[in-house]
Full PDB file with SEQRES, HELIX, SHEET, SSBOND, CRYST1, ORIGX, SCALE, CONECT and MASTER records, all heavy atoms in Angstrom:
SEQRES   1 A   38  PHE VAL ARG ARG ARG ILE PHE GLU PRO LEU ASP MET ASN          
SEQRES   2 A   38  ASP THR GLY TYR ASP SER ASP ALA GLU VAL LEU PRO ARG          
SEQRES   3 A   38  ARG ALA ALA GLY TYR GLU ARG ARG GLY GLY GLU LEU              
HELIX    1 AA1 VAL A    2  VAL A    2  1                                   1    
HELIX    2 AA2 ARG A    3  PHE A    7  3                                   5    
CRYST1    1.000    1.000    1.000  90.00  90.00  90.00 P 1           1          
ORIGX1      1.000000  0.000000  0.000000        0.00000                         
ORIGX2      0.000000  1.000000  0.000000        0.00000                         
ORIGX3      0.000000  0.000000  1.000000        0.00000                         
SCALE1      1.000000  0.000000  0.000000        0.00000                         
SCALE2      0.000000  1.000000  0.000000        0.00000                         
SCALE3      0.000000  0.000000  1.000000        0.00000                         
ATOM      1  N   PHE A   1      -2.023  -8.024 -13.397  1.00  0.00           N  
ATOM      2  CA  PHE A   1      -2.089  -9.483 -13.281  1.00  0.00           C  
ATOM      3  C   PHE A   1      -2.342  -9.914 -11.840  1.00  0.00           C  
ATOM      4  O   PHE A   1      -3.219 -10.743 -11.575  1.00  0.00           O  
ATOM      5  CB  PHE A   1      -0.800 -10.126 -13.805  1.00  0.00           C  
ATOM      6  CG  PHE A   1      -0.853 -11.628 -13.831  1.00  0.00           C  
ATOM      7  CD1 PHE A   1      -1.339 -12.295 -14.950  1.00  0.00           C  
ATOM      8  CD2 PHE A   1      -0.452 -12.381 -12.740  1.00  0.00           C  
ATOM      9  CE1 PHE A   1      -1.416 -13.686 -14.983  1.00  0.00           C  
ATOM     10  CE2 PHE A   1      -0.517 -13.769 -12.756  1.00  0.00           C  
ATOM     11  CZ  PHE A   1      -1.003 -14.418 -13.879  1.00  0.00           C  
ATOM     12  N   VAL A   2      -1.554  -9.374 -10.898  1.00  0.00           N  
ATOM     13  CA  VAL A   2      -1.753  -9.816  -9.513  1.00  0.00           C  
ATOM     14  C   VAL A   2      -3.107  -9.351  -8.980  1.00  0.00           C  
ATOM     15  O   VAL A   2      -3.728 -10.039  -8.154  1.00  0.00           O  
ATOM     16  CB  VAL A   2      -0.595  -9.353  -8.589  1.00  0.00           C  
ATOM     17  CG1 VAL A   2       0.690 -10.063  -8.959  1.00  0.00           C  
ATOM     18  CG2 VAL A   2      -0.408  -7.847  -8.616  1.00  0.00           C  
ATOM     19  N   ARG A   3      -3.575  -8.210  -9.461  1.00  0.00           N  
ATOM     20  CA  ARG A   3      -4.903  -7.746  -9.018  1.00  0.00           C  
ATOM     21  C   ARG A   3      -5.992  -8.670  -9.533  1.00  0.00           C  
ATOM     22  O   ARG A   3      -6.844  -9.140  -8.765  1.00  0.00           O  
ATOM     23  CB  ARG A   3      -5.160  -6.309  -9.497  1.00  0.00           C  
ATOM     24  CG  ARG A   3      -6.569  -5.797  -9.166  1.00  0.00           C  
ATOM     25  CD  ARG A   3      -6.756  -4.358  -9.623  1.00  0.00           C  
ATOM     26  NE  ARG A   3      -6.569  -4.182 -11.041  1.00  0.00           N  
ATOM     27  CZ  ARG A   3      -7.493  -4.448 -11.968  1.00  0.00           C  
ATOM     28  NH1 ARG A   3      -8.686  -4.941 -11.606  1.00  0.00           N  
ATOM     29  NH2 ARG A   3      -7.241  -4.244 -13.251  1.00  0.00           N  
ATOM     30  N   ARG A   4      -5.980  -8.962 -10.843  1.00  0.00           N  
ATOM     31  CA  ARG A   4      -7.062  -9.755 -11.446  1.00  0.00           C  
ATOM     32  C   ARG A   4      -6.994 -11.229 -11.085  1.00  0.00           C  
ATOM     33  O   ARG A   4      -8.024 -11.884 -10.919  1.00  0.00           O  
ATOM     34  CB  ARG A   4      -7.037  -9.570 -12.965  1.00  0.00           C  
ATOM     35  CG  ARG A   4      -7.477  -8.179 -13.397  1.00  0.00           C  
ATOM     36  CD  ARG A   4      -7.358  -7.979 -14.892  1.00  0.00           C  
ATOM     37  NE  ARG A   4      -8.107  -8.985 -15.647  1.00  0.00           N  
ATOM     38  CZ  ARG A   4      -8.167  -9.016 -16.976  1.00  0.00           C  
ATOM     39  NH1 ARG A   4      -7.507  -8.111 -17.682  1.00  0.00           N  
ATOM     40  NH2 ARG A   4      -8.858  -9.950 -17.591  1.00  0.00           N  
ATOM     41  N   ARG A   5      -5.774 -11.769 -10.960  1.00  0.00           N  
ATOM     42  CA  ARG A   5      -5.636 -13.214 -10.789  1.00  0.00           C  
ATOM     43  C   ARG A   5      -5.473 -13.661  -9.338  1.00  0.00           C  
ATOM     44  O   ARG A   5      -5.689 -14.820  -9.020  1.00  0.00           O  
ATOM     45  CB  ARG A   5      -4.441 -13.706 -11.617  1.00  0.00           C  
ATOM     46  CG  ARG A   5      -4.596 -13.463 -13.125  1.00  0.00           C  
ATOM     47  CD  ARG A   5      -5.811 -14.218 -13.699  1.00  0.00           C  
ATOM     48  NE  ARG A   5      -5.763 -15.607 -13.319  1.00  0.00           N  
ATOM     49  CZ  ARG A   5      -5.033 -16.532 -13.938  1.00  0.00           C  
ATOM     50  NH1 ARG A   5      -4.309 -16.199 -14.990  1.00  0.00           N  
ATOM     51  NH2 ARG A   5      -5.053 -17.783 -13.537  1.00  0.00           N  
ATOM     52  N   ILE A   6      -5.059 -12.719  -8.455  1.00  0.00           N  
ATOM     53  CA  ILE A   6      -4.857 -13.102  -7.055  1.00  0.00           C  
ATOM     54  C   ILE A   6      -5.753 -12.300  -6.117  1.00  0.00           C  
ATOM     55  O   ILE A   6      -6.569 -12.872  -5.387  1.00  0.00           O  
ATOM     56  CB  ILE A   6      -3.371 -12.931  -6.640  1.00  0.00           C  
ATOM     57  CG1 ILE A   6      -2.464 -13.821  -7.519  1.00  0.00           C  
ATOM     58  CG2 ILE A   6      -3.182 -13.282  -5.157  1.00  0.00           C  
ATOM     59  CD1 ILE A   6      -0.981 -13.623  -7.268  1.00  0.00           C  
ATOM     60  N   PHE A   7      -5.637 -10.988  -6.143  1.00  0.00           N  
ATOM     61  CA  PHE A   7      -6.306 -10.186  -5.120  1.00  0.00           C  
ATOM     62  C   PHE A   7      -7.829 -10.154  -5.268  1.00  0.00           C  
ATOM     63  O   PHE A   7      -8.559 -10.322  -4.284  1.00  0.00           O  
ATOM     64  CB  PHE A   7      -5.738  -8.765  -5.122  1.00  0.00           C  
ATOM     65  CG  PHE A   7      -4.246  -8.719  -4.941  1.00  0.00           C  
ATOM     66  CD1 PHE A   7      -3.466  -7.814  -5.630  1.00  0.00           C  
ATOM     67  CD2 PHE A   7      -3.613  -9.618  -4.086  1.00  0.00           C  
ATOM     68  CE1 PHE A   7      -2.082  -7.790  -5.478  1.00  0.00           C  
ATOM     69  CE2 PHE A   7      -2.226  -9.602  -3.922  1.00  0.00           C  
ATOM     70  CZ  PHE A   7      -1.468  -8.686  -4.626  1.00  0.00           C  
ATOM     71  N   GLU A   8      -8.320  -9.956  -6.481  1.00  0.00           N  
ATOM     72  CA  GLU A   8      -9.778  -9.925  -6.656  1.00  0.00           C  
ATOM     73  C   GLU A   8     -10.436 -11.271  -6.358  1.00  0.00           C  
ATOM     74  O   GLU A   8     -11.448 -11.316  -5.643  1.00  0.00           O  
ATOM     75  CB  GLU A   8     -10.130  -9.435  -8.066  1.00  0.00           C  
ATOM     76  CG  GLU A   8      -9.884  -7.942  -8.249  1.00  0.00           C  
ATOM     77  CD  GLU A   8     -10.254  -7.454  -9.632  1.00  0.00           C  
ATOM     78  OE1 GLU A   8     -10.597  -8.300 -10.511  1.00  0.00           O  
ATOM     79  OE2 GLU A   8     -10.196  -6.234  -9.860  1.00  0.00           O  
ATOM     80  N   PRO A   9      -9.917 -12.402  -6.846  1.00  0.00           N  
ATOM     81  CA  PRO A   9     -10.537 -13.691  -6.501  1.00  0.00           C  
ATOM     82  C   PRO A   9     -10.541 -13.986  -5.003  1.00  0.00           C  
ATOM     83  O   PRO A   9     -11.425 -14.698  -4.511  1.00  0.00           O  
ATOM     84  CB  PRO A   9      -9.674 -14.713  -7.255  1.00  0.00           C  
ATOM     85  CG  PRO A   9      -9.071 -13.954  -8.384  1.00  0.00           C  
ATOM     86  CD  PRO A   9      -8.852 -12.572  -7.853  1.00  0.00           C  
ATOM     87  N   LEU A  10      -9.580 -13.436  -4.267  1.00  0.00           N  
ATOM     88  CA  LEU A  10      -9.489 -13.700  -2.825  1.00  0.00           C  
ATOM     89  C   LEU A  10     -10.124 -12.590  -1.997  1.00  0.00           C  
ATOM     90  O   LEU A  10     -10.021 -12.603  -0.769  1.00  0.00           O  
ATOM     91  CB  LEU A  10      -8.023 -13.886  -2.423  1.00  0.00           C  
ATOM     92  CG  LEU A  10      -7.270 -15.024  -3.115  1.00  0.00           C  
ATOM     93  CD1 LEU A  10      -5.847 -15.124  -2.581  1.00  0.00           C  
ATOM     94  CD2 LEU A  10      -8.004 -16.351  -2.954  1.00  0.00           C  
ATOM     95  N   ASP A  11     -10.777 -11.631  -2.662  1.00  0.00           N  
ATOM     96  CA  ASP A  11     -11.432 -10.524  -1.961  1.00  0.00           C  
ATOM     97  C   ASP A  11     -10.431  -9.709  -1.142  1.00  0.00           C  
ATOM     98  O   ASP A  11     -10.765  -9.159  -0.094  1.00  0.00           O  
ATOM     99  CB  ASP A  11     -12.561 -11.047  -1.063  1.00  0.00           C  
ATOM    100  CG  ASP A  11     -13.525  -9.944  -0.627  1.00  0.00           C  
ATOM    101  OD1 ASP A  11     -13.704  -8.984  -1.392  1.00  0.00           O  
ATOM    102  OD2 ASP A  11     -14.085 -10.047   0.486  1.00  0.00           O  
ATOM    103  N   MET A  12      -9.193  -9.634  -1.640  1.00  0.00           N  
ATOM    104  CA  MET A  12      -8.163  -8.826  -0.973  1.00  0.00           C  
ATOM    105  C   MET A  12      -8.215  -7.408  -1.549  1.00  0.00           C  
ATOM    106  O   MET A  12      -7.361  -6.972  -2.325  1.00  0.00           O  
ATOM    107  CB  MET A  12      -6.780  -9.467  -1.167  1.00  0.00           C  
ATOM    108  CG  MET A  12      -6.639 -10.813  -0.489  1.00  0.00           C  
ATOM    109  SD  MET A  12      -5.052 -11.655  -0.849  1.00  0.00           S  
ATOM    110  CE  MET A  12      -3.868 -10.549  -0.067  1.00  0.00           C  
ATOM    111  N   ASN A  13      -9.236  -6.680  -1.129  1.00  0.00           N  
ATOM    112  CA  ASN A  13      -9.511  -5.371  -1.719  1.00  0.00           C  
ATOM    113  C   ASN A  13      -8.596  -4.267  -1.207  1.00  0.00           C  
ATOM    114  O   ASN A  13      -8.627  -3.146  -1.732  1.00  0.00           O  
ATOM    115  CB  ASN A  13     -10.967  -4.999  -1.457  1.00  0.00           C  
ATOM    116  CG  ASN A  13     -11.931  -5.991  -2.079  1.00  0.00           C  
ATOM    117  OD1 ASN A  13     -11.721  -6.440  -3.206  1.00  0.00           O  
ATOM    118  ND2 ASN A  13     -12.972  -6.355  -1.347  1.00  0.00           N  
ATOM    119  N   ASP A  14      -7.815  -4.553  -0.168  1.00  0.00           N  
ATOM    120  CA  ASP A  14      -6.903  -3.556   0.383  1.00  0.00           C  
ATOM    121  C   ASP A  14      -5.449  -3.880   0.041  1.00  0.00           C  
ATOM    122  O   ASP A  14      -4.525  -3.448   0.741  1.00  0.00           O  
ATOM    123  CB  ASP A  14      -7.062  -3.474   1.904  1.00  0.00           C  
ATOM    124  CG  ASP A  14      -8.329  -2.739   2.310  1.00  0.00           C  
ATOM    125  OD1 ASP A  14      -8.773  -1.870   1.540  1.00  0.00           O  
ATOM    126  OD2 ASP A  14      -8.870  -3.038   3.385  1.00  0.00           O  
ATOM    127  N   THR A  15      -5.250  -4.633  -1.033  1.00  0.00           N  
ATOM    128  CA  THR A  15      -3.911  -5.034  -1.455  1.00  0.00           C  
ATOM    129  C   THR A  15      -3.718  -4.659  -2.917  1.00  0.00           C  
ATOM    130  O   THR A  15      -4.629  -4.809  -3.729  1.00  0.00           O  
ATOM    131  CB  THR A  15      -3.722  -6.554  -1.282  1.00  0.00           C  
ATOM    132  OG1 THR A  15      -3.999  -6.902   0.069  1.00  0.00           O  
ATOM    133  CG2 THR A  15      -2.306  -6.974  -1.616  1.00  0.00           C  
ATOM    134  N   GLY A  16      -2.532  -4.174  -3.244  1.00  0.00           N  
ATOM    135  CA  GLY A  16      -2.267  -3.820  -4.634  1.00  0.00           C  
ATOM    136  C   GLY A  16      -0.857  -3.304  -4.823  1.00  0.00           C  
ATOM    137  O   GLY A  16      -0.027  -3.341  -3.911  1.00  0.00           O  
ATOM    138  N   TYR A  17      -0.600  -2.838  -6.029  1.00  0.00           N  
ATOM    139  CA  TYR A  17       0.701  -2.262  -6.390  1.00  0.00           C  
ATOM    140  C   TYR A  17       0.672  -0.793  -5.988  1.00  0.00           C  
ATOM    141  O   TYR A  17      -0.182  -0.040  -6.430  1.00  0.00           O  
ATOM    142  CB  TYR A  17       0.912  -2.398  -7.901  1.00  0.00           C  
ATOM    143  CG  TYR A  17       2.320  -2.101  -8.373  1.00  0.00           C  
ATOM    144  CD1 TYR A  17       3.118  -3.095  -8.921  1.00  0.00           C  
ATOM    145  CD2 TYR A  17       2.847  -0.820  -8.295  1.00  0.00           C  
ATOM    146  CE1 TYR A  17       4.409  -2.825  -9.372  1.00  0.00           C  
ATOM    147  CE2 TYR A  17       4.130  -0.545  -8.732  1.00  0.00           C  
ATOM    148  CZ  TYR A  17       4.903  -1.554  -9.263  1.00  0.00           C  
ATOM    149  OH  TYR A  17       6.175  -1.282  -9.698  1.00  0.00           O  
ATOM    150  N   ASP A  18       1.621  -0.386  -5.154  1.00  0.00           N  
ATOM    151  CA  ASP A  18       1.603   0.987  -4.654  1.00  0.00           C  
ATOM    152  C   ASP A  18       1.990   1.961  -5.759  1.00  0.00           C  
ATOM    153  O   ASP A  18       2.880   1.690  -6.564  1.00  0.00           O  
ATOM    154  CB  ASP A  18       2.560   1.131  -3.472  1.00  0.00           C  
ATOM    155  CG  ASP A  18       2.175   2.291  -2.568  1.00  0.00           C  
ATOM    156  OD1 ASP A  18       1.158   2.958  -2.851  1.00  0.00           O  
ATOM    157  OD2 ASP A  18       2.880   2.529  -1.580  1.00  0.00           O  
ATOM    158  N   SER A  19       1.296   3.083  -5.776  1.00  0.00           N  
ATOM    159  CA  SER A  19       1.558   4.127  -6.759  1.00  0.00           C  
ATOM    160  C   SER A  19       1.544   5.467  -6.039  1.00  0.00           C  
ATOM    161  O   SER A  19       0.612   5.773  -5.292  1.00  0.00           O  
ATOM    162  CB  SER A  19       0.486   4.117  -7.855  1.00  0.00           C  
ATOM    163  OG  SER A  19       0.517   5.325  -8.600  1.00  0.00           O  
ATOM    164  N   ASP A  20       2.574   6.261  -6.276  1.00  0.00           N  
ATOM    165  CA  ASP A  20       2.655   7.566  -5.621  1.00  0.00           C  
ATOM    166  C   ASP A  20       1.575   8.513  -6.121  1.00  0.00           C  
ATOM    167  O   ASP A  20       1.178   9.439  -5.410  1.00  0.00           O  
ATOM    168  CB  ASP A  20       4.033   8.181  -5.874  1.00  0.00           C  
ATOM    169  CG  ASP A  20       5.145   7.244  -5.443  1.00  0.00           C  
ATOM    170  OD1 ASP A  20       5.184   6.898  -4.258  1.00  0.00           O  
ATOM    171  OD2 ASP A  20       5.960   6.841  -6.299  1.00  0.00           O  
ATOM    172  N   ALA A  21       1.081   8.276  -7.326  1.00  0.00           N  
ATOM    173  CA  ALA A  21       0.074   9.166  -7.898  1.00  0.00           C  
ATOM    174  C   ALA A  21      -1.333   8.858  -7.407  1.00  0.00           C  
ATOM    175  O   ALA A  21      -2.210   9.725  -7.419  1.00  0.00           O  
ATOM    176  CB  ALA A  21       0.116   9.071  -9.429  1.00  0.00           C  
ATOM    177  N   GLU A  22      -1.560   7.637  -6.958  1.00  0.00           N  
ATOM    178  CA  GLU A  22      -2.911   7.221  -6.565  1.00  0.00           C  
ATOM    179  C   GLU A  22      -3.283   7.781  -5.193  1.00  0.00           C  
ATOM    180  O   GLU A  22      -2.470   7.803  -4.267  1.00  0.00           O  
ATOM    181  CB  GLU A  22      -2.971   5.692  -6.520  1.00  0.00           C  
ATOM    182  CG  GLU A  22      -4.343   5.139  -6.201  1.00  0.00           C  
ATOM    183  CD  GLU A  22      -4.355   3.621  -6.158  1.00  0.00           C  
ATOM    184  OE1 GLU A  22      -3.298   3.014  -6.452  1.00  0.00           O  
ATOM    185  OE2 GLU A  22      -5.406   3.046  -5.840  1.00  0.00           O  
ATOM    186  N   VAL A  23      -4.541   8.234  -5.083  1.00  0.00           N  
ATOM    187  CA  VAL A  23      -5.079   8.627  -3.787  1.00  0.00           C  
ATOM    188  C   VAL A  23      -5.569   7.349  -3.110  1.00  0.00           C  
ATOM    189  O   VAL A  23      -6.555   6.751  -3.526  1.00  0.00           O  
ATOM    190  CB  VAL A  23      -6.232   9.640  -3.935  1.00  0.00           C  
ATOM    191  CG1 VAL A  23      -6.837   9.968  -2.569  1.00  0.00           C  
ATOM    192  CG2 VAL A  23      -5.735  10.912  -4.619  1.00  0.00           C  
ATOM    193  N   LEU A  24      -4.855   6.918  -2.082  1.00  0.00           N  
ATOM    194  CA  LEU A  24      -5.088   5.612  -1.489  1.00  0.00           C  
ATOM    195  C   LEU A  24      -5.537   5.776  -0.038  1.00  0.00           C  
ATOM    196  O   LEU A  24      -4.737   6.114   0.827  1.00  0.00           O  
ATOM    197  CB  LEU A  24      -3.801   4.776  -1.543  1.00  0.00           C  
ATOM    198  CG  LEU A  24      -3.902   3.310  -1.155  1.00  0.00           C  
ATOM    199  CD1 LEU A  24      -4.795   2.550  -2.122  1.00  0.00           C  
ATOM    200  CD2 LEU A  24      -2.517   2.681  -1.118  1.00  0.00           C  
ATOM    201  N   PRO A  25      -6.829   5.556   0.233  1.00  0.00           N  
ATOM    202  CA  PRO A  25      -7.315   5.689   1.612  1.00  0.00           C  
ATOM    203  C   PRO A  25      -6.580   4.751   2.562  1.00  0.00           C  
ATOM    204  O   PRO A  25      -6.202   3.643   2.193  1.00  0.00           O  
ATOM    205  CB  PRO A  25      -8.798   5.296   1.504  1.00  0.00           C  
ATOM    206  CG  PRO A  25      -9.153   5.528   0.077  1.00  0.00           C  
ATOM    207  CD  PRO A  25      -7.908   5.202  -0.697  1.00  0.00           C  
ATOM    208  N   ARG A  26      -6.358   5.218   3.776  1.00  0.00           N  
ATOM    209  CA  ARG A  26      -5.757   4.439   4.855  1.00  0.00           C  
ATOM    210  C   ARG A  26      -4.325   4.004   4.553  1.00  0.00           C  
ATOM    211  O   ARG A  26      -3.857   3.014   5.070  1.00  0.00           O  
ATOM    212  CB  ARG A  26      -6.624   3.215   5.211  1.00  0.00           C  
ATOM    213  CG  ARG A  26      -7.955   3.580   5.829  1.00  0.00           C  
ATOM    214  CD  ARG A  26      -8.842   2.380   6.097  1.00  0.00           C  
ATOM    215  NE  ARG A  26      -9.516   1.946   4.891  1.00  0.00           N  
ATOM    216  CZ  ARG A  26      -9.233   0.854   4.229  1.00  0.00           C  
ATOM    217  NH1 ARG A  26      -8.272   0.047   4.653  1.00  0.00           N  
ATOM    218  NH2 ARG A  26      -9.903   0.526   3.138  1.00  0.00           N  
ATOM    219  N   ARG A  27      -3.637   4.766   3.724  1.00  0.00           N  
ATOM    220  CA  ARG A  27      -2.232   4.468   3.417  1.00  0.00           C  
ATOM    221  C   ARG A  27      -1.346   4.976   4.558  1.00  0.00           C  
ATOM    222  O   ARG A  27      -1.446   6.133   4.982  1.00  0.00           O  
ATOM    223  CB  ARG A  27      -1.821   5.154   2.118  1.00  0.00           C  
ATOM    224  CG  ARG A  27      -0.410   4.771   1.648  1.00  0.00           C  
ATOM    225  CD  ARG A  27       0.269   5.875   0.845  1.00  0.00           C  
ATOM    226  NE  ARG A  27      -0.527   6.361  -0.259  1.00  0.00           N  
ATOM    227  CZ  ARG A  27      -0.295   6.065  -1.549  1.00  0.00           C  
ATOM    228  NH1 ARG A  27       0.689   5.283  -1.892  1.00  0.00           N  
ATOM    229  NH2 ARG A  27      -1.063   6.588  -2.488  1.00  0.00           N  
ATOM    230  N   ALA A  28      -0.474   4.124   5.070  1.00  0.00           N  
ATOM    231  CA  ALA A  28       0.486   4.535   6.091  1.00  0.00           C  
ATOM    232  C   ALA A  28       1.614   5.329   5.439  1.00  0.00           C  
ATOM    233  O   ALA A  28       2.065   5.001   4.342  1.00  0.00           O  
ATOM    234  CB  ALA A  28       1.062   3.322   6.807  1.00  0.00           C  
ATOM    235  N   ALA A  29       2.047   6.384   6.108  1.00  0.00           N  
ATOM    236  CA  ALA A  29       3.242   7.105   5.683  1.00  0.00           C  
ATOM    237  C   ALA A  29       4.465   6.406   6.271  1.00  0.00           C  
ATOM    238  O   ALA A  29       4.392   5.814   7.347  1.00  0.00           O  
ATOM    239  CB  ALA A  29       3.180   8.556   6.148  1.00  0.00           C  
ATOM    240  N   GLY A  30       5.589   6.473   5.570  1.00  0.00           N  
ATOM    241  CA  GLY A  30       6.804   5.831   6.030  1.00  0.00           C  
ATOM    242  C   GLY A  30       7.760   6.827   6.679  1.00  0.00           C  
ATOM    243  O   GLY A  30       7.924   7.952   6.190  1.00  0.00           O  
ATOM    244  N   TYR A  31       8.380   6.411   7.779  1.00  0.00           N  
ATOM    245  CA  TYR A  31       9.259   7.301   8.545  1.00  0.00           C  
ATOM    246  C   TYR A  31      10.556   6.584   8.911  1.00  0.00           C  
ATOM    247  O   TYR A  31      10.647   5.361   8.856  1.00  0.00           O  
ATOM    248  CB  TYR A  31       8.572   7.747   9.843  1.00  0.00           C  
ATOM    249  CG  TYR A  31       7.255   8.458   9.629  1.00  0.00           C  
ATOM    250  CD1 TYR A  31       6.054   7.746   9.615  1.00  0.00           C  
ATOM    251  CD2 TYR A  31       7.216   9.835   9.433  1.00  0.00           C  
ATOM    252  CE1 TYR A  31       4.854   8.399   9.409  1.00  0.00           C  
ATOM    253  CE2 TYR A  31       6.008  10.500   9.228  1.00  0.00           C  
ATOM    254  CZ  TYR A  31       4.830   9.767   9.212  1.00  0.00           C  
ATOM    255  OH  TYR A  31       3.641  10.419   9.009  1.00  0.00           O  
ATOM    256  N   GLU A  32      11.531   7.377   9.343  1.00  0.00           N  
ATOM    257  CA  GLU A  32      12.757   6.804   9.890  1.00  0.00           C  
ATOM    258  C   GLU A  32      13.206   7.660  11.071  1.00  0.00           C  
ATOM    259  O   GLU A  32      12.959   8.863  11.114  1.00  0.00           O  
ATOM    260  CB  GLU A  32      13.856   6.722   8.839  1.00  0.00           C  
ATOM    261  CG  GLU A  32      14.254   8.047   8.222  1.00  0.00           C  
ATOM    262  CD  GLU A  32      15.310   7.895   7.146  1.00  0.00           C  
ATOM    263  OE1 GLU A  32      15.311   6.846   6.461  1.00  0.00           O  
ATOM    264  OE2 GLU A  32      16.128   8.818   6.999  1.00  0.00           O  
ATOM    265  N   ARG A  33      13.846   6.987  12.034  1.00  0.00           N  
ATOM    266  CA  ARG A  33      14.415   7.699  13.182  1.00  0.00           C  
ATOM    267  C   ARG A  33      15.906   7.892  12.941  1.00  0.00           C  
ATOM    268  O   ARG A  33      16.621   6.956  12.633  1.00  0.00           O  
ATOM    269  CB  ARG A  33      14.210   6.913  14.475  1.00  0.00           C  
ATOM    270  CG  ARG A  33      12.775   6.829  14.915  1.00  0.00           C  
ATOM    271  CD  ARG A  33      12.666   6.241  16.321  1.00  0.00           C  
ATOM    272  NE  ARG A  33      11.296   5.916  16.644  1.00  0.00           N  
ATOM    273  CZ  ARG A  33      10.408   6.785  17.099  1.00  0.00           C  
ATOM    274  NH1 ARG A  33      10.781   8.045  17.303  1.00  0.00           N  
ATOM    275  NH2 ARG A  33       9.173   6.418  17.363  1.00  0.00           N  
ATOM    276  N   ARG A  34      16.348   9.129  13.110  1.00  0.00           N  
ATOM    277  CA  ARG A  34      17.766   9.444  12.985  1.00  0.00           C  
ATOM    278  C   ARG A  34      18.206  10.141  14.258  1.00  0.00           C  
ATOM    279  O   ARG A  34      17.778  11.261  14.536  1.00  0.00           O  
ATOM    280  CB  ARG A  34      18.031  10.346  11.782  1.00  0.00           C  
ATOM    281  CG  ARG A  34      17.818   9.664  10.441  1.00  0.00           C  
ATOM    282  CD  ARG A  34      18.341  10.527   9.316  1.00  0.00           C  
ATOM    283  NE  ARG A  34      18.186   9.890   8.019  1.00  0.00           N  
ATOM    284  CZ  ARG A  34      18.641  10.415   6.889  1.00  0.00           C  
ATOM    285  NH1 ARG A  34      19.277  11.578   6.917  1.00  0.00           N  
ATOM    286  NH2 ARG A  34      18.463   9.795   5.746  1.00  0.00           N  
ATOM    287  N   GLY A  35      19.032   9.439  15.029  1.00  0.00           N  
ATOM    288  CA  GLY A  35      19.489  10.012  16.285  1.00  0.00           C  
ATOM    289  C   GLY A  35      18.350  10.373  17.214  1.00  0.00           C  
ATOM    290  O   GLY A  35      18.417  11.356  17.954  1.00  0.00           O  
ATOM    291  N   GLY A  36      17.266   9.600  17.168  1.00  0.00           N  
ATOM    292  CA  GLY A  36      16.118   9.854  18.027  1.00  0.00           C  
ATOM    293  C   GLY A  36      15.094  10.781  17.409  1.00  0.00           C  
ATOM    294  O   GLY A  36      13.982  10.925  17.934  1.00  0.00           O  
ATOM    295  N   GLU A  37      15.427  11.416  16.290  1.00  0.00           N  
ATOM    296  CA  GLU A  37      14.498  12.340  15.631  1.00  0.00           C  
ATOM    297  C   GLU A  37      13.723  11.605  14.540  1.00  0.00           C  
ATOM    298  O   GLU A  37      14.295  10.859  13.744  1.00  0.00           O  
ATOM    299  CB  GLU A  37      15.280  13.509  15.018  1.00  0.00           C  
ATOM    300  CG  GLU A  37      14.393  14.517  14.291  1.00  0.00           C  
ATOM    301  CD  GLU A  37      15.201  15.604  13.600  1.00  0.00           C  
ATOM    302  OE1 GLU A  37      16.446  15.642  13.788  1.00  0.00           O  
ATOM    303  OE2 GLU A  37      14.603  16.411  12.866  1.00  0.00           O  
ATOM    304  N   LEU A  38      12.408  11.819  14.496  1.00  0.00           N  
ATOM    305  CA  LEU A  38      11.555  11.182  13.491  1.00  0.00           C  
ATOM    306  C   LEU A  38      11.521  12.028  12.229  1.00  0.00           C  
ATOM    307  O   LEU A  38      11.288  13.244  12.291  1.00  0.00           O  
ATOM    308  CB  LEU A  38      10.141  11.011  14.052  1.00  0.00           C  
ATOM    309  CG  LEU A  38       9.200  10.104  13.258  1.00  0.00           C  
ATOM    310  CD1 LEU A  38       9.665   8.658  13.311  1.00  0.00           C  
ATOM    311  CD2 LEU A  38       7.781  10.202  13.805  1.00  0.00           C  
TER     312      LEU A  38                                                      
MASTER        0    0    0    2    0    0    0    6  311    1    0    3          
END                                                                             
């Protein structure tokens, strides 16, 4: 719904529902620092 009704009409081609299974170009990996260690 959000893809067809919001993102496609607005040409927001780099926005969507994240899926761990999808191969998504330019996807940032998420990290955390613990005691200074990444």
